[in-house]
PDB file of N, CA and C in Angstrom:
ATOM      1  N   MET A   1       0.834  -1.171   0.016  1.00  0.00           N
ATOM      2  CA  MET A   1       0.021  -0.017   0.023  1.00  0.00           C
ATOM      3  C   MET A   1       0.909   1.233  -0.031  1.00  0.00           C
ATOM      4  N   VAL A   2       0.659   2.161  -0.956  1.00  0.00           N
ATOM      5  CA  VAL A   2       1.374   3.389  -0.999  1.00  0.00           C
ATOM      6  C   VAL A   2       0.630   4.360  -0.021  1.00  0.00           C
ATOM      7  N   ALA A   3       1.510   5.013   0.799  1.00  0.00           N
ATOM      8  CA  ALA A   3       1.005   6.072   1.682  1.00  0.00           C
ATOM      9  C   ALA A   3       1.951   7.219   1.741  1.00  0.00           C
ATOM     10  N   CYS A   4       1.359   8.332   1.952  1.00  0.00           N
ATOM     11  CA  CYS A   4       2.112   9.586   2.149  1.00  0.00           C
ATOM     12  C   CYS A   4       2.203  10.024   3.610  1.00  0.00           C
ATOM     13  N   PRO A   5       3.301  10.669   3.959  1.00  0.00           N
ATOM     14  CA  PRO A   5       3.337  11.095   5.354  1.00  0.00           C
ATOM     15  C   PRO A   5       2.292  12.133   5.747  1.00  0.00           C
ATOM     16  N   GLU A   6       1.930  12.133   6.980  1.00  0.00           N
ATOM     17  CA  GLU A   6       1.081  13.028   7.531  1.00  0.00           C
ATOM     18  C   GLU A   6       1.568  14.472   7.359  1.00  0.00           C
ATOM     19  N   PRO A   7       0.904  15.383   6.786  1.00  0.00           N
ATOM     20  CA  PRO A   7       1.397  16.729   6.755  1.00  0.00           C
ATOM     21  C   PRO A   7       1.643  17.354   8.087  1.00  0.00           C
ATOM     22  N   LEU A   8       2.804  17.718   8.545  1.00  0.00           N
ATOM     23  CA  LEU A   8       3.168  18.389   9.700  1.00  0.00           C
ATOM     24  C   LEU A   8       3.363  19.866   9.440  1.00  0.00           C
ATOM     25  N   LEU A   9       2.414  20.644   9.637  1.00  0.00           N
ATOM     26  CA  LEU A   9       2.396  22.088   9.224  1.00  0.00           C
ATOM     27  C   LEU A   9       2.257  23.011  10.444  1.00  0.00           C
ATOM     28  N   SER A  10       2.741  24.202  10.531  1.00  0.00           N
ATOM     29  CA  SER A  10       2.531  25.136  11.531  1.00  0.00           C
ATOM     30  C   SER A  10       1.014  25.359  11.882  1.00  0.00           C
ATOM     31  N   SER A  11       0.835  25.907  13.017  1.00  0.00           N
ATOM     32  CA  SER A  11      -0.609  26.182  13.394  1.00  0.00           C
ATOM     33  C   SER A  11      -1.229  27.248  12.549  1.00  0.00           C
ATOM     34  N   TYR A  12      -0.564  27.991  11.716  1.00  0.00           N
ATOM     35  CA  TYR A  12      -1.103  29.002  10.824  1.00  0.00           C
ATOM     36  C   TYR A  12      -1.874  28.365   9.655  1.00  0.00           C
ATOM     37  N   TYR A  13      -1.750  27.069   9.529  1.00  0.00           N
ATOM     38  CA  TYR A  13      -2.404  26.356   8.338  1.00  0.00           C
ATOM     39  C   TYR A  13      -3.601  25.611   8.870  1.00  0.00           C
ATOM     40  N   VAL A  14      -4.625  25.411   7.988  1.00  0.00           N
ATOM     41  CA  VAL A  14      -5.754  24.471   8.244  1.00  0.00           C
ATOM     42  C   VAL A  14      -5.776  23.484   7.057  1.00  0.00           C
ATOM     43  N   ILE A  15      -5.793  22.154   7.447  1.00  0.00           N
ATOM     44  CA  ILE A  15      -5.792  21.116   6.405  1.00  0.00           C
ATOM     45  C   ILE A  15      -7.174  20.595   6.334  1.00  0.00           C
ATOM     46  N   HIS A  16      -7.662  20.465   5.079  1.00  0.00           N
ATOM     47  CA  HIS A  16      -8.977  19.831   4.897  1.00  0.00           C
ATOM     48  C   HIS A  16      -8.633  18.620   4.054  1.00  0.00           C
ATOM     49  N   ALA A  17      -9.113  17.478   4.418  1.00  0.00           N
ATOM     50  CA  ALA A  17      -8.947  16.223   3.791  1.00  0.00           C
ATOM     51  C   ALA A  17     -10.127  15.276   3.885  1.00  0.00           C
ATOM     52  N   GLU A  18     -10.233  14.502   2.834  1.00  0.00           N
ATOM     53  CA  GLU A  18     -11.270  13.562   2.844  1.00  0.00           C
ATOM     54  C   GLU A  18     -11.053  12.567   3.974  1.00  0.00           C
ATOM     55  N   ASN A  19      -9.734  12.261   4.192  1.00  0.00           N
ATOM     56  CA  ASN A  19      -9.394  11.265   5.274  1.00  0.00           C
ATOM     57  C   ASN A  19      -8.952  11.964   6.451  1.00  0.00           C
ATOM     58  N   SER A  20      -9.581  11.944   7.568  1.00  0.00           N
ATOM     59  CA  SER A  20      -9.268  12.589   8.791  1.00  0.00           C
ATOM     60  C   SER A  20      -8.551  11.709   9.753  1.00  0.00           C
ATOM     61  N   ALA A  21      -8.190  10.484   9.373  1.00  0.00           N
ATOM     62  CA  ALA A  21      -7.615   9.516  10.237  1.00  0.00           C
ATOM     63  C   ALA A  21      -6.110   9.693  10.399  1.00  0.00           C
ATOM     64  N   GLY A  22      -5.555  10.592   9.458  1.00  0.00           N
ATOM     65  CA  GLY A  22      -4.102  10.808   9.579  1.00  0.00           C
ATOM     66  C   GLY A  22      -3.280   9.774   8.661  1.00  0.00           C
ATOM     67  N   VAL A  23      -4.054   8.953   7.966  1.00  0.00           N
ATOM     68  CA  VAL A  23      -3.396   8.066   6.963  1.00  0.00           C
ATOM     69  C   VAL A  23      -3.703   8.349   5.617  1.00  0.00           C
ATOM     70  N   TYR A  24      -2.782   8.768   4.790  1.00  0.00           N
ATOM     71  CA  TYR A  24      -3.041   9.294   3.485  1.00  0.00           C
ATOM     72  C   TYR A  24      -2.528   8.277   2.466  1.00  0.00           C
ATOM     73  N   ARG A  25      -3.351   7.797   1.596  1.00  0.00           N
ATOM     74  CA  ARG A  25      -3.015   6.780   0.651  1.00  0.00           C
ATOM     75  C   ARG A  25      -2.885   7.404  -0.872  1.00  0.00           C
ATOM     76  N   TYR A  26      -2.436   6.599  -1.713  1.00  0.00           N
ATOM     77  CA  TYR A  26      -2.280   7.030  -3.174  1.00  0.00           C
ATOM     78  C   TYR A  26      -3.552   7.653  -3.600  1.00  0.00           C
ATOM     79  N   GLN A  27      -3.405   8.752  -4.170  1.00  0.00           N
ATOM     80  CA  GLN A  27      -4.487   9.530  -4.868  1.00  0.00           C
ATOM     81  C   GLN A  27      -5.300  10.293  -3.785  1.00  0.00           C
ATOM     82  N   ASP A  28      -5.036  10.178  -2.522  1.00  0.00           N
ATOM     83  CA  ASP A  28      -5.737  11.086  -1.483  1.00  0.00           C
ATOM     84  C   ASP A  28      -5.244  12.471  -1.714  1.00  0.00           C
ATOM     85  N   THR A  29      -6.206  13.471  -1.553  1.00  0.00           N
ATOM     86  CA  THR A  29      -5.921  14.852  -1.793  1.00  0.00           C
ATOM     87  C   THR A  29      -6.161  15.632  -0.528  1.00  0.00           C
ATOM     88  N   ILE A  30      -5.293  16.720  -0.267  1.00  0.00           N
ATOM     89  CA  ILE A  30      -5.537  17.484   0.862  1.00  0.00           C
ATOM     90  C   ILE A  30      -5.452  18.946   0.281  1.00  0.00           C
ATOM     91  N   VAL A  31      -6.320  19.826   0.963  1.00  0.00           N
ATOM     92  CA  VAL A  31      -6.443  21.229   0.548  1.00  0.00           C
ATOM     93  C   VAL A  31      -5.968  21.953   1.793  1.00  0.00           C
ATOM     94  N   VAL A  32      -4.978  22.844   1.634  1.00  0.00           N
ATOM     95  CA  VAL A  32      -4.383  23.635   2.753  1.00  0.00           C
ATOM     96  C   VAL A  32      -4.803  25.179   2.514  1.00  0.00           C
ATOM     97  N   GLU A  33      -5.182  25.753   3.600  1.00  0.00           N
ATOM     98  CA  GLU A  33      -5.358  27.229   3.584  1.00  0.00           C
ATOM     99  C   GLU A  33      -4.886  27.753   4.906  1.00  0.00           C
ATOM    100  N   CYS A  34      -4.783  29.090   4.985  1.00  0.00           N
ATOM    101  CA  CYS A  34      -4.433  29.744   6.175  1.00  0.00           C
ATOM    102  C   CYS A  34      -5.577  30.027   7.147  1.00  0.00           C
ATOM    103  N   ARG A  35      -5.281  29.959   8.402  1.00  0.00           N
ATOM    104  CA  ARG A  35      -6.313  30.193   9.317  1.00  0.00           C
ATOM    105  C   ARG A  35      -6.842  31.629   9.254  1.00  0.00           C
ATOM    106  N   ALA A  36      -7.976  31.967   9.953  1.00  0.00           N
ATOM    107  CA  ALA A  36      -8.557  33.211   9.877  1.00  0.00           C
ATOM    108  C   ALA A  36      -7.547  34.230  10.330  1.00  0.00           C
ATOM    109  N   GLY A  37      -7.579  35.366   9.641  1.00  0.00           N
ATOM    110  CA  GLY A  37      -6.596  36.506  10.037  1.00  0.00           C
ATOM    111  C   GLY A  37      -5.392  36.423   9.246  1.00  0.00           C
ATOM    112  N   TYR A  38      -5.166  35.360   8.515  1.00  0.00           N
ATOM    113  CA  TYR A  38      -3.990  35.160   7.799  1.00  0.00           C
ATOM    114  C   TYR A  38      -4.335  34.887   6.273  1.00  0.00           C
ATOM    115  N   SER A  39      -3.409  35.125   5.434  1.00  0.00           N
ATOM    116  CA  SER A  39      -3.537  34.897   3.966  1.00  0.00           C
ATOM    117  C   SER A  39      -2.251  34.308   3.374  1.00  0.00           C
ATOM    118  N   MET A  40      -2.373  33.486   2.369  1.00  0.00           N
ATOM    119  CA  MET A  40      -1.156  32.944   1.753  1.00  0.00           C
ATOM    120  C   MET A  40      -0.430  34.051   0.999  1.00  0.00           C
ATOM    121  N   ASP A  41       0.806  34.045   1.123  1.00  0.00           N
ATOM    122  CA  ASP A  41       1.681  34.954   0.434  1.00  0.00           C
ATOM    123  C   ASP A  41       1.531  34.820  -1.040  1.00  0.00           C
ATOM    124  N   GLY A  42       1.252  35.962  -1.731  1.00  0.00           N
ATOM    125  CA  GLY A  42       1.071  35.835  -3.256  1.00  0.00           C
ATOM    126  C   GLY A  42      -0.372  35.741  -3.580  1.00  0.00           C
ATOM    127  N   ASP A  43      -0.637  35.227  -4.797  1.00  0.00           N
ATOM    128  CA  ASP A  43      -1.935  35.122  -5.258  1.00  0.00           C
ATOM    129  C   ASP A  43      -2.817  33.853  -4.992  1.00  0.00           C
ATOM    130  N   VAL A  44      -2.122  32.960  -4.246  1.00  0.00           N
ATOM    131  CA  VAL A  44      -2.694  31.708  -3.845  1.00  0.00           C
ATOM    132  C   VAL A  44      -3.563  31.805  -2.710  1.00  0.00           C
ATOM    133  N   ARG A  45      -4.744  31.243  -2.817  1.00  0.00           N
ATOM    134  CA  ARG A  45      -5.602  31.136  -1.609  1.00  0.00           C
ATOM    135  C   ARG A  45      -5.752  29.812  -1.019  1.00  0.00           C
ATOM    136  N   LEU A  46      -5.696  28.777  -1.821  1.00  0.00           N
ATOM    137  CA  LEU A  46      -5.761  27.420  -1.360  1.00  0.00           C
ATOM    138  C   LEU A  46      -4.582  26.636  -2.099  1.00  0.00           C
ATOM    139  N   PHE A  47      -3.985  25.709  -1.353  1.00  0.00           N
ATOM    140  CA  PHE A  47      -2.834  24.930  -1.871  1.00  0.00           C
ATOM    141  C   PHE A  47      -3.382  23.464  -1.856  1.00  0.00           C
ATOM    142  N   THR A  48      -3.416  22.831  -3.006  1.00  0.00           N
ATOM    143  CA  THR A  48      -3.941  21.380  -3.135  1.00  0.00           C
ATOM    144  C   THR A  48      -2.716  20.512  -3.513  1.00  0.00           C
ATOM    145  N   ALA A  49      -2.660  19.393  -2.784  1.00  0.00           N
ATOM    146  CA  ALA A  49      -1.664  18.346  -3.078  1.00  0.00           C
ATOM    147  C   ALA A  49      -2.274  16.973  -3.119  1.00  0.00           C
ATOM    148  N   GLU A  50      -1.728  16.130  -3.925  1.00  0.00           N
ATOM    149  CA  GLU A  50      -2.220  14.745  -3.935  1.00  0.00           C
ATOM    150  C   GLU A  50      -1.111  13.733  -3.614  1.00  0.00           C
ATOM    151  N   CYS A  51      -1.440  12.675  -2.940  1.00  0.00           N
ATOM    152  CA  CYS A  51      -0.471  11.676  -2.676  1.00  0.00           C
ATOM    153  C   CYS A  51      -0.178  10.885  -3.880  1.00  0.00           C
ATOM    154  N   ASP A  52       1.020  10.794  -4.322  1.00  0.00           N
ATOM    155  CA  ASP A  52       1.341  10.187  -5.671  1.00  0.00           C
ATOM    156  C   ASP A  52       1.783   8.844  -5.498  1.00  0.00           C
ATOM    157  N   GLU A  53       2.083   8.068  -6.579  1.00  0.00           N
ATOM    158  CA  GLU A  53       2.439   6.647  -6.589  1.00  0.00           C
ATOM    159  C   GLU A  53       3.713   6.304  -5.906  1.00  0.00           C
ATOM    160  N   GLU A  54       4.475   7.380  -5.634  1.00  0.00           N
ATOM    161  CA  GLU A  54       5.721   7.144  -4.951  1.00  0.00           C
ATOM    162  C   GLU A  54       5.664   7.408  -3.392  1.00  0.00           C
ATOM    163  N   GLY A  55       4.442   7.788  -2.880  1.00  0.00           N
ATOM    164  CA  GLY A  55       4.332   8.188  -1.497  1.00  0.00           C
ATOM    165  C   GLY A  55       4.751   9.532  -1.176  1.00  0.00           C
ATOM    166  N   SER A  56       4.722  10.422  -2.071  1.00  0.00           N
ATOM    167  CA  SER A  56       5.155  11.859  -1.919  1.00  0.00           C
ATOM    168  C   SER A  56       3.956  12.791  -2.286  1.00  0.00           C
ATOM    169  N   TRP A  57       3.954  13.864  -1.649  1.00  0.00           N
ATOM    170  CA  TRP A  57       2.945  14.934  -1.945  1.00  0.00           C
ATOM    171  C   TRP A  57       3.292  15.599  -3.165  1.00  0.00           C
ATOM    172  N   ASN A  58       2.346  15.713  -4.124  1.00  0.00           N
ATOM    173  CA  ASN A  58       2.530  16.381  -5.393  1.00  0.00           C
ATOM    174  C   ASN A  58       1.502  17.522  -5.582  1.00  0.00           C
ATOM    175  N   PRO A  59       1.862  18.737  -5.627  1.00  0.00           N
ATOM    176  CA  PRO A  59       3.165  19.310  -5.539  1.00  0.00           C
ATOM    177  C   PRO A  59       3.756  19.100  -4.065  1.00  0.00           C
ATOM    178  N   PRO A  60       5.053  19.180  -3.843  1.00  0.00           N
ATOM    179  CA  PRO A  60       5.622  18.998  -2.708  1.00  0.00           C
ATOM    180  C   PRO A  60       5.216  20.112  -1.592  1.00  0.00           C
ATOM    181  N   LEU A  61       4.935  19.749  -0.392  1.00  0.00           N
ATOM    182  CA  LEU A  61       4.431  20.681   0.633  1.00  0.00           C
ATOM    183  C   LEU A  61       5.563  21.760   0.862  1.00  0.00           C
ATOM    184  N   SER A  62       6.839  21.478   0.507  1.00  0.00           N
ATOM    185  CA  SER A  62       7.841  22.408   0.760  1.00  0.00           C
ATOM    186  C   SER A  62       7.556  23.735  -0.077  1.00  0.00           C
ATOM    187  N   GLY A  63       6.753  23.634  -1.159  1.00  0.00           N
ATOM    188  CA  GLY A  63       6.276  24.734  -2.007  1.00  0.00           C
ATOM    189  C   GLY A  63       5.105  25.485  -1.456  1.00  0.00           C
ATOM    190  N   LEU A  64       4.597  25.175  -0.257  1.00  0.00           N
ATOM    191  CA  LEU A  64       3.441  25.757   0.224  1.00  0.00           C
ATOM    192  C   LEU A  64       3.799  27.237   0.646  1.00  0.00           C
ATOM    193  N   PRO A  65       3.038  28.183   0.075  1.00  0.00           N
ATOM    194  CA  PRO A  65       3.304  29.525   0.442  1.00  0.00           C
ATOM    195  C   PRO A  65       3.040  29.886   1.928  1.00  0.00           C
ATOM    196  N   SER A  66       3.844  30.932   2.415  1.00  0.00           N
ATOM    197  CA  SER A  66       3.709  31.366   3.804  1.00  0.00           C
ATOM    198  C   SER A  66       2.479  31.910   4.124  1.00  0.00           C
ATOM    199  N   CYS A  67       1.920  31.800   5.350  1.00  0.00           N
ATOM    200  CA  CYS A  67       0.771  32.589   5.769  1.00  0.00           C
ATOM    201  C   CYS A  67       1.223  33.846   6.355  1.00  0.00           C
ATOM    202  N   VAL A  68       0.728  34.900   5.962  1.00  0.00           N
ATOM    203  CA  VAL A  68       1.032  36.298   6.460  1.00  0.00           C
ATOM    204  C   VAL A  68      -0.235  36.920   7.079  1.00  0.00           C
ATOM    205  N   PHE A  69       0.051  37.664   8.188  1.00  0.00           N
ATOM    206  CA  PHE A  69      -1.003  38.171   8.942  1.00  0.00           C
ATOM    207  C   PHE A  69      -1.665  39.337   8.145  1.00  0.00           C
ATOM    208  N   VAL A  70      -2.984  39.344   8.035  1.00  0.00           N
ATOM    209  CA  VAL A  70      -3.793  40.385   7.366  1.00  0.00           C
ATOM    210  C   VAL A  70      -4.630  41.185   8.297  1.00  0.00           C
ATOM    211  N   SER A  71      -5.406  40.496   9.272  1.00  0.00           N
ATOM    212  CA  SER A  71      -6.260  41.155  10.110  1.00  0.00           C
ATOM    213  C   SER A  71      -6.783  40.293  11.198  1.00  0.00           C
ATOM    214  N   MET A  72      -7.338  40.782  12.224  1.00  0.00           N
ATOM    215  CA  MET A  72      -8.083  39.965  13.219  1.00  0.00           C
ATOM    216  C   MET A  72      -9.467  39.734  12.811  1.00  0.00           C
ATOM    217  N   SER A  73      -9.872  38.503  12.612  1.00  0.00           N
ATOM    218  CA  SER A  73     -11.190  38.301  12.157  1.00  0.00           C
ATOM    219  C   SER A  73     -11.990  37.582  13.244  1.00  0.00           C
TER     220      SER A  73
END
């Protein structure tokens, strides 16, 4: 069974996933956004990655834009 590592991201991010058990298999997708009051640096609002056949996130989570403070909501 091909599995991707659980995304370990800072508390500035919120992860939405079909699988909330923390086990991500081939073709599972996650969507990452910044928590309230923060926005992704640049024009990106949501970052989507899929678990590929090699057990890696594609695109890599290392490419995830930083969350920057915008306001208190």
